[in-house]
Amino acid sequence: MKHKLKKGLVVGVICLLVLVSFPITQADTDHYSDSVVLIIGKCNTVSTTGLWLFGLTYIHKKEVTIQAQGEEGETIHVLIFPPKFAFHFSLENIKIQMEEVKGIFFWGGKSLLFNNASQRVFAICKAGDIWVTY
């Protein structure tokens, strides 16, 4: 019985050392202020308090979150310009949070025209604050 306990303890210590040696991955978050954003792609998550009509909405001074979580077919392209320029191309795991948003959005999840797994998203807007986590 003591022999099994020693083997179990050795295996546990080895597993602990292996787990500690793995690097911790962290998401990078970029912040942009007072910028124009163009978002094109496919994602399953768009949240806002805007009123949707056939997949379209106009948002004025609201918050918006668009997220692709790496599910099949999800991919987002983001272009952010003045005062800083940024381009995030073909990201499958990305979250875009915007505050003080004014602009037009289309999301296939609220439309009867698109019934595929990953829903198309298109947005052109101006936002006071933008956080892009990838």
C-alpha atoms as a PDB file:
ATOM      1  CA  MET A   1       0.000   0.000   0.000  1.00  0.00           C
ATOM      2  CA  LYS A   2       2.872   2.384   0.821  1.00  0.00           C
ATOM      3  CA  HIS A   3       4.457   1.576  -2.541  1.00  0.00           C
ATOM      4  CA  LYS A   4       1.278   2.693  -4.412  1.00  0.00           C
ATOM      5  CA  LEU A   5       1.133   5.888  -2.337  1.00  0.00           C
ATOM      6  CA  LYS A   6       4.759   6.724  -3.238  1.00  0.00           C
ATOM      7  CA  LYS A   7       4.079   6.103  -6.954  1.00  0.00           C
ATOM      8  CA  GLY A   8       0.967   8.248  -6.803  1.00  0.00           C
ATOM      9  CA  LEU A   9       2.873  11.040  -5.061  1.00  0.00           C
ATOM     10  CA  VAL A  10       5.679  10.933  -7.660  1.00  0.00           C
ATOM     11  CA  VAL A  11       3.175  10.984 -10.535  1.00  0.00           C
ATOM     12  CA  GLY A  12       1.329  13.908  -8.890  1.00  0.00           C
ATOM     13  CA  VAL A  13       4.545  15.925  -8.489  1.00  0.00           C
ATOM     14  CA  ILE A  14       5.537  15.254 -12.115  1.00  0.00           C
ATOM     15  CA  CYS A  15       2.086  16.349 -13.338  1.00  0.00           C
ATOM     16  CA  LEU A  16       2.313  19.502 -11.234  1.00  0.00           C
ATOM     17  CA  LEU A  17       5.743  20.350 -12.677  1.00  0.00           C
ATOM     18  CA  VAL A  18       4.498  19.797 -16.224  1.00  0.00           C
ATOM     19  CA  LEU A  19       1.461  22.033 -15.657  1.00  0.00           C
ATOM     20  CA  VAL A  20       3.584  24.803 -14.150  1.00  0.00           C
ATOM     21  CA  SER A  21       5.904  24.754 -17.171  1.00  0.00           C
ATOM     22  CA  PHE A  22       3.083  25.622 -19.629  1.00  0.00           C
ATOM     23  CA  PRO A  23       3.017  29.319 -20.500  1.00  0.00           C
ATOM     24  CA  ILE A  24      -0.027  31.307 -19.454  1.00  0.00           C
ATOM     25  CA  THR A  25      -1.740  32.782 -22.477  1.00  0.00           C
ATOM     26  CA  GLN A  26      -3.257  36.184 -22.135  1.00  0.00           C
ATOM     27  CA  ALA A  27      -5.466  38.027 -24.529  1.00  0.00           C
ATOM     28  CA  ASP A  28      -4.194  41.299 -25.928  1.00  0.00           C
ATOM     29  CA  THR A  29      -6.514  44.295 -25.653  1.00  0.00           C
ATOM     30  CA  ASP A  30      -6.081  47.453 -27.701  1.00  0.00           C
ATOM     31  CA  HIS A  31      -7.926  50.676 -26.885  1.00  0.00           C
ATOM     32  CA  TYR A  32      -8.911  53.381 -29.372  1.00  0.00           C
ATOM     33  CA  SER A  33     -10.674  56.682 -28.713  1.00  0.00           C
ATOM     34  CA  ASP A  34     -12.926  58.743 -30.957  1.00  0.00           C
ATOM     35  CA  SER A  35     -12.452  56.565 -34.049  1.00  0.00           C
ATOM     36  CA  VAL A  36     -14.372  55.285 -37.053  1.00  0.00           C
ATOM     37  CA  VAL A  37     -14.784  51.502 -37.239  1.00  0.00           C
ATOM     38  CA  LEU A  38     -15.549  49.225 -40.188  1.00  0.00           C
ATOM     39  CA  ILE A  39     -16.375  45.630 -39.243  1.00  0.00           C
ATOM     40  CA  ILE A  40     -17.058  42.862 -41.773  1.00  0.00           C
ATOM     41  CA  GLY A  41     -17.313  39.134 -41.187  1.00  0.00           C
ATOM     42  CA  LYS A  42     -19.322  36.351 -39.611  1.00  0.00           C
ATOM     43  CA  CYS A  43     -20.056  35.891 -35.925  1.00  0.00           C
ATOM     44  CA  ASN A  44     -22.698  34.406 -33.662  1.00  0.00           C
ATOM     45  CA  THR A  45     -22.728  37.137 -30.984  1.00  0.00           C
ATOM     46  CA  VAL A  46     -23.779  40.773 -31.374  1.00  0.00           C
ATOM     47  CA  SER A  47     -25.289  42.518 -28.384  1.00  0.00           C
ATOM     48  CA  THR A  48     -26.793  45.969 -28.196  1.00  0.00           C
ATOM     49  CA  THR A  49     -29.933  47.649 -26.995  1.00  0.00           C
ATOM     50  CA  GLY A  50     -30.669  48.867 -30.529  1.00  0.00           C
ATOM     51  CA  LEU A  51     -33.953  47.978 -32.235  1.00  0.00           C
ATOM     52  CA  TRP A  52     -33.390  45.537 -35.131  1.00  0.00           C
ATOM     53  CA  LEU A  53     -35.460  45.581 -38.322  1.00  0.00           C
ATOM     54  CA  PHE A  54     -34.713  42.737 -40.789  1.00  0.00           C
ATOM     55  CA  GLY A  55     -31.161  42.553 -39.462  1.00  0.00           C
ATOM     56  CA  LEU A  56     -30.490  46.305 -39.707  1.00  0.00           C
ATOM     57  CA  THR A  57     -30.261  48.843 -36.918  1.00  0.00           C
ATOM     58  CA  TYR A  58     -29.120  52.406 -36.475  1.00  0.00           C
ATOM     59  CA  ILE A  59     -27.430  52.940 -33.144  1.00  0.00           C
ATOM     60  CA  HIS A  60     -27.054  56.346 -31.534  1.00  0.00           C
ATOM     61  CA  LYS A  61     -25.081  56.821 -28.289  1.00  0.00           C
ATOM     62  CA  LYS A  62     -25.292  53.174 -27.193  1.00  0.00           C
ATOM     63  CA  GLU A  63     -22.968  50.281 -26.328  1.00  0.00           C
ATOM     64  CA  VAL A  64     -22.228  47.437 -28.744  1.00  0.00           C
ATOM     65  CA  THR A  65     -20.326  44.165 -28.366  1.00  0.00           C
ATOM     66  CA  ILE A  66     -19.406  42.006 -31.359  1.00  0.00           C
ATOM     67  CA  GLN A  67     -17.675  38.708 -30.652  1.00  0.00           C
ATOM     68  CA  ALA A  68     -16.338  35.769 -32.633  1.00  0.00           C
ATOM     69  CA  GLN A  69     -15.500  32.871 -30.332  1.00  0.00           C
ATOM     70  CA  GLY A  70     -13.671  30.617 -32.756  1.00  0.00           C
ATOM     71  CA  GLU A  71     -16.689  28.550 -33.740  1.00  0.00           C
ATOM     72  CA  GLU A  72     -16.856  27.088 -37.244  1.00  0.00           C
ATOM     73  CA  GLY A  73     -17.097  29.780 -39.913  1.00  0.00           C
ATOM     74  CA  GLU A  74     -16.619  32.732 -37.551  1.00  0.00           C
ATOM     75  CA  THR A  75     -14.146  35.301 -38.806  1.00  0.00           C
ATOM     76  CA  ILE A  76     -14.047  39.068 -38.386  1.00  0.00           C
ATOM     77  CA  HIS A  77     -12.107  41.823 -40.171  1.00  0.00           C
ATOM     78  CA  VAL A  78     -11.813  45.183 -38.366  1.00  0.00           C
ATOM     79  CA  LEU A  79     -10.514  48.502 -39.703  1.00  0.00           C
ATOM     80  CA  ILE A  80     -10.136  51.384 -37.250  1.00  0.00           C
ATOM     81  CA  PHE A  81      -8.962  54.815 -38.340  1.00  0.00           C
ATOM     82  CA  PRO A  82      -8.121  58.309 -37.148  1.00  0.00           C
ATOM     83  CA  PRO A  83      -6.503  59.281 -34.917  1.00  0.00           C
ATOM     84  CA  LYS A  84      -4.833  55.808 -34.741  1.00  0.00           C
ATOM     85  CA  PHE A  85      -4.959  53.289 -37.573  1.00  0.00           C
ATOM     86  CA  ALA A  86      -5.468  49.571 -36.905  1.00  0.00           C
ATOM     87  CA  PHE A  87      -6.361  46.580 -39.024  1.00  0.00           C
ATOM     88  CA  HIS A  88      -7.277  43.182 -37.561  1.00  0.00           C
ATOM     89  CA  PHE A  89      -7.640  40.722 -40.430  1.00  0.00           C
ATOM     90  CA  SER A  90      -9.357  37.303 -40.332  1.00  0.00           C
ATOM     91  CA  LEU A  91      -9.459  36.824 -36.575  1.00  0.00           C
ATOM     92  CA  GLU A  92     -11.496  33.864 -35.365  1.00  0.00           C
ATOM     93  CA  ASN A  93     -11.350  34.735 -31.674  1.00  0.00           C
ATOM     94  CA  ILE A  94     -11.980  38.445 -31.162  1.00  0.00           C
ATOM     95  CA  LYS A  95     -14.191  40.673 -29.052  1.00  0.00           C
ATOM     96  CA  ILE A  96     -14.965  44.277 -29.997  1.00  0.00           C
ATOM     97  CA  GLN A  97     -16.573  46.436 -27.322  1.00  0.00           C
ATOM     98  CA  MET A  98     -17.670  49.959 -28.217  1.00  0.00           C
ATOM     99  CA  GLU A  99     -19.224  52.787 -26.206  1.00  0.00           C
ATOM    100  CA  GLU A 100     -20.897  56.004 -27.365  1.00  0.00           C
ATOM    101  CA  VAL A 101     -21.545  54.408 -30.759  1.00  0.00           C
ATOM    102  CA  LYS A 102     -23.270  56.115 -33.685  1.00  0.00           C
ATOM    103  CA  GLY A 103     -23.685  54.085 -36.847  1.00  0.00           C
ATOM    104  CA  ILE A 104     -25.364  51.429 -38.960  1.00  0.00           C
ATOM    105  CA  PHE A 105     -25.195  47.704 -38.213  1.00  0.00           C
ATOM    106  CA  PHE A 106     -26.341  44.604 -40.055  1.00  0.00           C
ATOM    107  CA  TRP A 107     -26.324  41.221 -38.344  1.00  0.00           C
ATOM    108  CA  GLY A 108     -27.686  38.097 -40.007  1.00  0.00           C
ATOM    109  CA  GLY A 109     -28.738  36.712 -36.619  1.00  0.00           C
ATOM    110  CA  LYS A 110     -31.657  39.157 -36.642  1.00  0.00           C
ATOM    111  CA  SER A 111     -32.455  38.654 -40.325  1.00  0.00           C
ATOM    112  CA  LEU A 112     -34.669  36.054 -41.963  1.00  0.00           C
ATOM    113  CA  LEU A 113     -32.493  36.121 -45.100  1.00  0.00           C
ATOM    114  CA  PHE A 114     -29.468  34.251 -43.652  1.00  0.00           C
ATOM    115  CA  ASN A 115     -29.917  30.882 -41.941  1.00  0.00           C
ATOM    116  CA  ASN A 116     -26.341  29.560 -41.854  1.00  0.00           C
ATOM    117  CA  ALA A 117     -24.460  28.694 -38.647  1.00  0.00           C
ATOM    118  CA  SER A 118     -22.227  31.769 -38.502  1.00  0.00           C
ATOM    119  CA  GLN A 119     -24.163  34.955 -39.110  1.00  0.00           C
ATOM    120  CA  ARG A 120     -22.886  37.765 -41.304  1.00  0.00           C
ATOM    121  CA  VAL A 121     -22.086  41.068 -39.621  1.00  0.00           C
ATOM    122  CA  PHE A 122     -21.397  44.467 -41.157  1.00  0.00           C
ATOM    123  CA  ALA A 123     -20.948  47.699 -39.232  1.00  0.00           C
ATOM    124  CA  ILE A 124     -19.760  51.201 -40.012  1.00  0.00           C
ATOM    125  CA  CYS A 125     -19.825  53.535 -37.077  1.00  0.00           C
ATOM    126  CA  LYS A 126     -18.042  56.119 -34.980  1.00  0.00           C
ATOM    127  CA  ALA A 127     -17.329  55.273 -31.354  1.00  0.00           C
ATOM    128  CA  GLY A 128     -16.066  57.250 -28.396  1.00  0.00           C
ATOM    129  CA  ASP A 129     -14.196  54.238 -26.961  1.00  0.00           C
ATOM    130  CA  ILE A 130     -13.287  50.940 -28.603  1.00  0.00           C
ATOM    131  CA  TRP A 131     -11.657  47.920 -26.982  1.00  0.00           C
ATOM    132  CA  VAL A 132     -10.446  45.116 -29.258  1.00  0.00           C
ATOM    133  CA  THR A 133      -9.514  41.904 -27.437  1.00  0.00           C
ATOM    134  CA  TYR A 134      -7.868  39.136 -29.468  1.00  0.00           C
END
